[in-house]
């Protein structure tokens, strides 16, 4: 059974559409819950999710609260999840039709951790090149926007997400999966928003993301990465 875990913070622009998408395009009947973990939204995110839940959602929706911070929020969701497969999804990322069947197919093959390929909702040439590399099964090609499924056993064995990371938490956790377990890339893709690129400038943001990866490879800790991000990138 699959628990979908979505960390949210001021996502009123996408949360309704995402919940409807999950409801419509899941096929297996094996998703037992969608867990929204709110980091203190000040907009209509929670009201919209509650309204959707009360008005015909076929998948049960649980809303809980956590301190802000994606790693903390995802760990909070995992703590209460009932599924033996955890599927972590960003609020502005839409998985493919039958995504749950695709995940379960991989699990039956013994692949207990993995992601989808990714496309942006933008045709910018830089993003087109960037998304191309998500098809390759290398640690350096991974990121949270590709979503992540992982068995409960693997998640627990790695002690979940490292809450010291305000950013880069997905890459850190996925890197630890690669170090100890088999990781698979499903040959279908999620569609994720390019809104942060639009806000910051595509080339500028791509440069800063590259610098963050390089700094981590050179040994930068979570505090240094957060300092660089907060100085150079508009959230």
Protein backbone atom coordinates (compact mmCIF):
# COMPACT_ATOMS: atom_id res chain seq x y z
CA UNK A 1 0.00 0.00 0.00
CA UNK A 2 1.18 3.52 -0.83
CA UNK A 3 1.14 6.62 1.35
CA UNK A 4 1.60 9.85 -0.62
CA UNK A 5 3.36 12.52 1.45
CA UNK A 6 3.28 16.15 0.31
CA UNK A 7 5.01 18.94 2.27
CA UNK A 8 3.15 22.21 1.75
CA UNK A 9 3.70 25.87 2.51
CA UNK A 10 1.49 28.49 0.83
CA UNK A 11 0.56 26.29 -2.13
CA UNK A 12 -2.97 27.58 -2.77
CA UNK A 13 -2.15 27.99 -6.47
CA UNK A 14 -1.54 24.29 -7.06
CA UNK A 15 -2.84 22.15 -4.20
CA UNK A 16 -6.41 21.79 -5.45
CA UNK A 17 -5.29 20.81 -8.93
CA UNK A 18 -2.74 18.35 -7.55
CA UNK A 19 -5.21 16.59 -5.27
CA UNK A 20 -7.68 16.28 -8.13
CA UNK A 21 -4.88 14.97 -10.36
CA UNK A 22 -3.93 12.28 -7.82
CA UNK A 23 -7.57 11.31 -7.39
CA UNK A 24 -8.17 11.11 -11.13
CA UNK A 25 -4.99 9.49 -12.40
CA UNK A 26 -4.20 6.92 -9.71
CA UNK A 27 -5.33 3.51 -10.97
CA UNK A 28 -4.36 0.73 -8.57
CA UNK A 29 -6.65 1.38 -5.61
CA UNK A 30 -3.56 0.83 -3.46
CA UNK A 31 -3.09 4.45 -2.32
CA UNK A 32 -4.43 4.38 1.23
CA UNK A 33 -3.84 8.06 2.03
CA UNK A 34 -2.52 11.41 0.93
CA UNK A 35 -0.79 13.18 3.80
CA UNK A 36 -0.39 16.95 3.54
CA UNK A 37 2.16 18.25 6.02
CA UNK A 38 1.70 21.98 6.48
CA UNK A 39 4.65 24.11 7.52
CA UNK A 40 2.49 27.06 8.66
CA UNK A 41 0.75 28.26 5.50
CA UNK A 42 -0.78 31.74 5.69
CA UNK A 43 -2.83 31.44 2.51
CA UNK A 44 -5.78 29.18 1.58
CA UNK A 45 -3.78 25.97 1.13
CA UNK A 46 -5.33 24.08 4.02
CA UNK A 47 -8.85 25.39 3.43
CA UNK A 48 -8.71 24.28 -0.21
CA UNK A 49 -7.37 20.85 0.73
CA UNK A 50 -10.03 20.42 3.41
CA UNK A 51 -12.75 21.42 0.98
CA UNK A 52 -11.52 18.90 -1.59
CA UNK A 53 -11.36 16.19 1.06
CA UNK A 54 -14.97 16.81 2.13
CA UNK A 55 -16.36 16.96 -1.39
CA UNK A 56 -15.78 13.62 -2.99
CA UNK A 57 -12.08 12.72 -2.80
CA UNK A 58 -11.78 8.98 -3.34
CA UNK A 59 -8.39 8.89 -1.58
CA UNK A 60 -8.46 9.75 2.15
CA UNK A 61 -6.63 13.00 2.86
CA UNK A 62 -4.88 13.65 6.17
CA UNK A 63 -3.73 17.16 7.06
CA UNK A 64 -1.15 17.61 9.79
CA UNK A 65 1.16 20.37 10.94
CA UNK A 66 4.90 20.55 11.37
CA UNK A 67 7.62 23.10 11.86
CA UNK A 68 8.49 24.64 8.52
CA UNK A 69 11.27 22.88 6.66
CA UNK A 70 10.76 20.26 3.97
CA UNK A 71 12.89 17.61 5.70
CA UNK A 72 10.96 18.03 8.98
CA UNK A 73 7.65 18.05 7.16
CA UNK A 74 8.40 14.89 5.18
CA UNK A 75 9.63 13.07 8.29
CA UNK A 76 6.47 14.13 10.12
CA UNK A 77 4.38 12.71 7.30
CA UNK A 78 6.37 9.47 7.29
CA UNK A 79 5.90 9.10 11.05
CA UNK A 80 2.12 8.85 10.69
CA UNK A 81 1.98 7.10 7.31
CA UNK A 82 0.32 3.68 7.23
CA UNK A 83 1.65 2.50 3.89
CA UNK A 84 4.66 0.24 3.42
CA UNK A 85 5.63 2.34 0.37
CA UNK A 86 6.16 6.07 0.94
CA UNK A 87 5.80 8.36 -2.07
CA UNK A 88 7.18 11.86 -1.50
CA UNK A 89 5.82 14.48 -3.87
CA UNK A 90 6.27 18.24 -4.15
CA UNK A 91 3.10 20.32 -4.27
CA UNK A 92 3.89 21.70 -7.74
CA UNK A 93 4.82 18.36 -9.31
CA UNK A 94 2.25 16.24 -11.16
CA UNK A 95 2.95 12.51 -11.63
CA UNK A 96 1.99 10.58 -14.76
CA UNK A 97 -1.26 8.70 -15.35
CA UNK A 98 -1.12 5.42 -13.43
CA UNK A 99 1.89 6.52 -11.41
CA UNK A 100 0.86 4.21 -8.56
CA UNK A 101 0.73 1.18 -10.86
CA UNK A 102 4.19 2.11 -12.17
CA UNK A 103 5.58 2.29 -8.63
CA UNK A 104 3.99 -0.99 -7.55
CA UNK A 105 5.30 -2.70 -10.69
CA UNK A 106 8.84 -1.71 -9.71
CA UNK A 107 8.33 -2.84 -6.12
CA UNK A 108 7.16 -6.27 -7.33
CA UNK A 109 10.41 -6.51 -9.31
CA UNK A 110 12.38 -5.87 -6.12
CA UNK A 111 13.09 -2.20 -6.82
CA UNK A 112 12.14 -0.62 -3.51
CA UNK A 113 13.37 2.92 -4.12
CA UNK A 114 13.27 5.15 -7.15
CA UNK A 115 11.81 8.11 -8.98
CA UNK A 116 10.36 9.19 -12.31
CA UNK A 117 12.03 11.17 -15.05
CA UNK A 118 11.02 14.83 -15.08
CA UNK A 119 9.83 17.52 -17.46
CA UNK A 120 9.32 21.21 -16.69
CA UNK A 121 6.16 23.06 -17.68
CA UNK A 122 8.42 25.33 -19.73
CA UNK A 123 10.15 25.01 -23.10
CA UNK A 124 13.15 27.10 -22.12
CA UNK A 125 16.18 25.49 -23.83
CA UNK A 126 18.23 25.40 -20.62
CA UNK A 127 15.46 23.52 -18.83
CA UNK A 128 14.98 21.20 -21.80
CA UNK A 129 18.65 20.24 -21.54
CA UNK A 130 18.46 19.91 -17.75
CA UNK A 131 15.41 17.64 -17.80
CA UNK A 132 17.03 15.39 -20.41
CA UNK A 133 19.55 14.15 -17.85
CA UNK A 134 16.88 12.91 -15.46
CA UNK A 135 16.60 9.73 -17.58
CA UNK A 136 20.04 8.57 -16.44
CA UNK A 137 20.40 6.48 -13.29
CA UNK A 138 23.22 8.41 -11.67
CA UNK A 139 23.22 10.08 -8.27
CA UNK A 140 24.22 13.43 -9.82
CA UNK A 141 21.05 13.42 -11.98
CA UNK A 142 18.62 13.25 -9.07
CA UNK A 143 16.49 15.87 -7.34
CA UNK A 144 13.33 16.14 -5.29
CA UNK A 145 11.23 17.47 -8.16
CA UNK A 146 11.41 14.00 -9.74
CA UNK A 147 9.41 12.69 -6.75
CA UNK A 148 10.60 9.69 -4.74
CA UNK A 149 9.17 6.34 -3.73
CA UNK A 150 10.88 4.30 -1.04
CA UNK A 151 9.91 1.32 1.07
CA UNK A 152 9.25 1.91 4.74
CA UNK A 153 12.10 -0.46 5.62
CA UNK A 154 14.66 1.47 3.60
CA UNK A 155 13.37 4.83 4.87
CA UNK A 156 13.67 3.70 8.48
CA UNK A 157 17.08 2.11 7.98
CA UNK A 158 18.41 5.50 6.79
CA UNK A 159 16.68 7.44 9.60
CA UNK A 160 14.67 9.48 7.13
CA UNK A 161 15.56 12.94 5.92
CA UNK A 162 18.34 14.85 7.66
CA UNK A 163 16.57 17.79 9.30
CA UNK A 164 19.76 19.83 9.44
CA UNK A 165 19.21 20.54 5.73
CA UNK A 166 16.90 23.47 5.01
CA UNK A 167 17.67 22.84 1.34
CA UNK A 168 19.23 19.87 -0.48
CA UNK A 169 17.41 17.44 1.82
CA UNK A 170 16.13 15.38 -1.11
CA UNK A 171 19.54 15.03 -2.74
CA UNK A 172 21.14 14.12 0.58
CA UNK A 173 18.59 11.39 1.28
CA UNK A 174 18.59 9.99 -2.27
CA UNK A 175 22.39 9.97 -2.20
CA UNK A 176 22.28 7.80 0.91
CA UNK A 177 19.89 5.42 -0.84
CA UNK A 178 22.32 5.12 -3.77
CA UNK A 179 25.16 4.40 -1.36
CA UNK A 180 23.42 1.41 0.26
CA UNK A 181 20.58 0.20 -1.94
CA UNK A 182 19.45 -0.24 -5.51
CA UNK A 183 17.76 2.82 -7.04
CA UNK A 184 15.61 2.78 -10.17
CA UNK A 185 14.38 5.46 -12.58
CA UNK A 186 10.92 4.78 -14.02
CA UNK A 187 10.67 5.43 -17.76
CA UNK A 188 7.85 7.96 -17.49
CA UNK A 189 7.93 11.51 -16.27
CA UNK A 190 6.43 13.91 -13.79
CA UNK A 191 5.67 17.49 -14.82
CA UNK A 192 7.02 20.09 -12.43
CA UNK A 193 6.63 23.84 -12.26
CA UNK A 194 9.36 26.16 -13.53
CA UNK A 195 7.98 29.02 -11.42
CA UNK A 196 11.17 29.44 -9.40
CA UNK A 197 13.17 29.77 -12.62
CA UNK A 198 10.76 32.42 -13.85
CA UNK A 199 11.12 34.33 -10.59
CA UNK A 200 14.91 34.17 -10.39
CA UNK A 201 15.89 34.01 -14.06
CA UNK A 202 16.57 30.63 -15.63
CA UNK A 203 20.29 30.95 -16.28
CA UNK A 204 20.92 32.59 -12.93
CA UNK A 205 19.05 29.93 -10.98
CA UNK A 206 20.64 27.06 -12.89
CA UNK A 207 24.05 28.54 -12.08
CA UNK A 208 23.26 28.81 -8.36
CA UNK A 209 21.87 25.27 -8.21
CA UNK A 210 25.06 24.02 -9.86
CA UNK A 211 27.12 25.92 -7.30
CA UNK A 212 25.14 24.34 -4.46
CA UNK A 213 25.86 20.85 -5.83
CA UNK A 214 29.55 21.68 -6.24
CA UNK A 215 29.77 23.11 -2.71
CA UNK A 216 28.20 19.93 -1.31
CA UNK A 217 30.60 17.72 -3.25
CA UNK A 218 33.47 19.81 -1.85
CA UNK A 219 32.28 19.23 1.70
CA UNK A 220 29.99 22.15 2.53
CA UNK A 221 27.66 21.44 5.45
CA UNK A 222 23.92 22.13 5.69
CA UNK A 223 24.40 25.58 7.22
CA UNK A 224 26.73 26.74 4.46
CA UNK A 225 24.37 25.50 1.75
CA UNK A 226 21.42 27.30 3.36
CA UNK A 227 23.43 30.50 3.69
CA UNK A 228 24.35 30.42 0.00
CA UNK A 229 20.76 29.67 -1.04
CA UNK A 230 19.22 32.40 1.10
CA UNK A 231 21.73 34.96 -0.16
CA UNK A 232 21.31 34.22 -3.87
CA UNK A 233 17.90 32.66 -4.54
CA UNK A 234 14.38 34.03 -4.17
CA UNK A 235 12.11 31.32 -2.78
